[in-house]
């Protein structure tokens, strides 16, 4: 509801201050991405998710599992259909199922594998 908005903004400020000193904390980075998504702040959400992914990869996290969880996280539903979100997911899922994302050739013409629709809001 409307009363949740100031609480989210407050939480974002707390995380922001915390991240200035602990920029590599993946839980805080991910939560910050969630908060930005819920507040409708797309660019910031995208930035925090990208930072989370970089740190997770550096930690040796199973990025396919990470991508699946991010795609299913209710906090990101507003952006899950956006091209940047889809390409972020594709980047990690392609590491395990490259055939899903590799261009297929038919009679010499390059045909891209089907992509989920991105125009659903």
Protein backbone atom coordinates (compact mmCIF):
# COMPACT_ATOMS: atom_id res chain seq x y z
CA UNK A 1 0.00 0.00 0.00
CA UNK A 2 0.92 3.68 0.07
CA UNK A 3 2.37 3.39 3.57
CA UNK A 4 4.97 0.89 2.31
CA UNK A 5 6.65 3.48 0.07
CA UNK A 6 8.40 5.58 2.80
CA UNK A 7 9.55 2.35 4.47
CA UNK A 8 11.09 1.15 1.20
CA UNK A 9 12.80 4.48 0.65
CA UNK A 10 14.11 4.39 4.23
CA UNK A 11 15.37 0.83 3.76
CA UNK A 12 17.06 1.92 0.53
CA UNK A 13 18.86 4.74 2.34
CA UNK A 14 20.07 2.35 5.05
CA UNK A 15 21.35 -0.15 2.45
CA UNK A 16 22.94 2.64 0.42
CA UNK A 17 24.96 3.85 3.43
CA UNK A 18 25.89 0.28 4.33
CA UNK A 19 27.03 -0.47 0.77
CA UNK A 20 29.32 2.56 0.74
CA UNK A 21 31.41 0.69 3.31
CA UNK A 22 30.59 -2.89 2.26
CA UNK A 23 30.23 -2.76 -1.51
CA UNK A 24 30.86 -6.47 -1.96
CA UNK A 25 27.98 -7.68 0.23
CA UNK A 26 25.88 -9.66 -2.25
CA UNK A 27 22.84 -9.89 0.00
CA UNK A 28 22.78 -6.11 0.48
CA UNK A 29 23.38 -5.51 -3.26
CA UNK A 30 20.57 -7.90 -4.21
CA UNK A 31 18.19 -6.39 -1.64
CA UNK A 32 19.01 -2.93 -2.95
CA UNK A 33 18.09 -4.16 -6.45
CA UNK A 34 14.77 -5.42 -5.04
CA UNK A 35 14.04 -2.12 -3.30
CA UNK A 36 14.80 -0.13 -6.46
CA UNK A 37 12.56 -2.47 -8.49
CA UNK A 38 9.68 -2.05 -6.05
CA UNK A 39 10.11 1.73 -6.17
CA UNK A 40 10.08 1.59 -9.98
CA UNK A 41 13.67 2.84 -10.27
CA UNK A 42 14.72 0.82 -13.30
CA UNK A 43 18.26 2.13 -13.92
CA UNK A 44 19.27 1.68 -10.28
CA UNK A 45 17.69 -1.76 -10.14
CA UNK A 46 19.66 -2.73 -13.26
CA UNK A 47 22.91 -1.38 -11.78
CA UNK A 48 22.54 -3.21 -8.46
CA UNK A 49 21.58 -6.47 -10.16
CA UNK A 50 24.63 -6.22 -12.44
CA UNK A 51 26.88 -5.58 -9.42
CA UNK A 52 25.31 -8.51 -7.57
CA UNK A 53 25.90 -10.79 -10.55
CA UNK A 54 29.56 -9.72 -10.84
CA UNK A 55 30.25 -10.41 -7.15
CA UNK A 56 28.30 -13.70 -7.23
CA UNK A 57 30.29 -14.84 -10.28
CA UNK A 58 33.53 -13.92 -8.53
CA UNK A 59 32.41 -16.00 -5.54
CA UNK A 60 31.90 -19.04 -7.77
CA UNK A 61 28.10 -19.01 -7.39
CA UNK A 62 25.99 -21.24 -9.64
CA UNK A 63 24.88 -18.43 -11.94
CA UNK A 64 22.24 -20.51 -13.71
CA UNK A 65 20.51 -21.06 -10.38
CA UNK A 66 21.02 -17.38 -9.53
CA UNK A 67 19.45 -16.26 -12.82
CA UNK A 68 16.45 -18.58 -12.32
CA UNK A 69 15.88 -17.25 -8.80
CA UNK A 70 16.14 -13.63 -9.96
CA UNK A 71 13.66 -14.33 -12.78
CA UNK A 72 11.20 -15.84 -10.30
CA UNK A 73 11.65 -13.16 -7.62
CA UNK A 74 8.34 -11.30 -7.21
CA UNK A 75 10.22 -8.05 -6.56
CA UNK A 76 11.53 -7.99 -10.15
CA UNK A 77 8.24 -8.79 -11.91
CA UNK A 78 7.93 -5.21 -13.17
CA UNK A 79 11.18 -5.55 -15.13
CA UNK A 80 11.45 -9.27 -15.90
CA UNK A 81 10.09 -8.79 -19.42
CA UNK A 82 12.45 -5.91 -20.24
CA UNK A 83 15.19 -6.58 -22.82
CA UNK A 84 18.04 -5.77 -20.36
CA UNK A 85 16.65 -8.24 -17.80
CA UNK A 86 16.18 -10.93 -20.45
CA UNK A 87 19.70 -10.46 -21.81
CA UNK A 88 21.13 -10.65 -18.27
CA UNK A 89 19.32 -13.97 -17.75
CA UNK A 90 20.35 -15.21 -21.19
CA UNK A 91 24.00 -14.45 -20.45
CA UNK A 92 24.02 -16.86 -17.50
CA UNK A 93 21.64 -19.49 -18.86
CA UNK A 94 23.65 -19.63 -22.10
CA UNK A 95 26.63 -20.92 -20.13
CA UNK A 96 24.75 -24.17 -19.54
CA UNK A 97 22.33 -24.31 -22.47
CA UNK A 98 24.14 -22.47 -25.27
CA UNK A 99 21.96 -24.25 -27.84
CA UNK A 100 18.95 -22.28 -26.55
CA UNK A 101 20.60 -18.98 -27.46
CA UNK A 102 22.94 -19.81 -30.34
CA UNK A 103 21.78 -18.68 -33.77
CA UNK A 104 20.40 -21.58 -35.82
CA UNK A 105 21.07 -21.61 -39.53
CA UNK A 106 18.42 -22.57 -42.05
CA UNK A 107 19.42 -22.67 -45.70
CA UNK A 108 22.34 -20.33 -45.05
CA UNK A 109 20.17 -17.65 -43.42
CA UNK A 110 20.78 -16.90 -39.77
CA UNK A 111 17.67 -17.44 -37.67
CA UNK A 112 17.67 -16.43 -34.01
CA UNK A 113 16.28 -18.88 -31.48
CA UNK A 114 12.84 -17.87 -30.19
CA UNK A 115 12.89 -15.31 -27.38
CA UNK A 116 10.13 -14.81 -24.82
CA UNK A 117 7.92 -11.78 -25.57
CA UNK A 118 9.14 -8.59 -23.90
CA UNK A 119 6.09 -6.43 -24.49
CA UNK A 120 4.05 -7.86 -21.60
CA UNK A 121 3.77 -5.24 -18.86
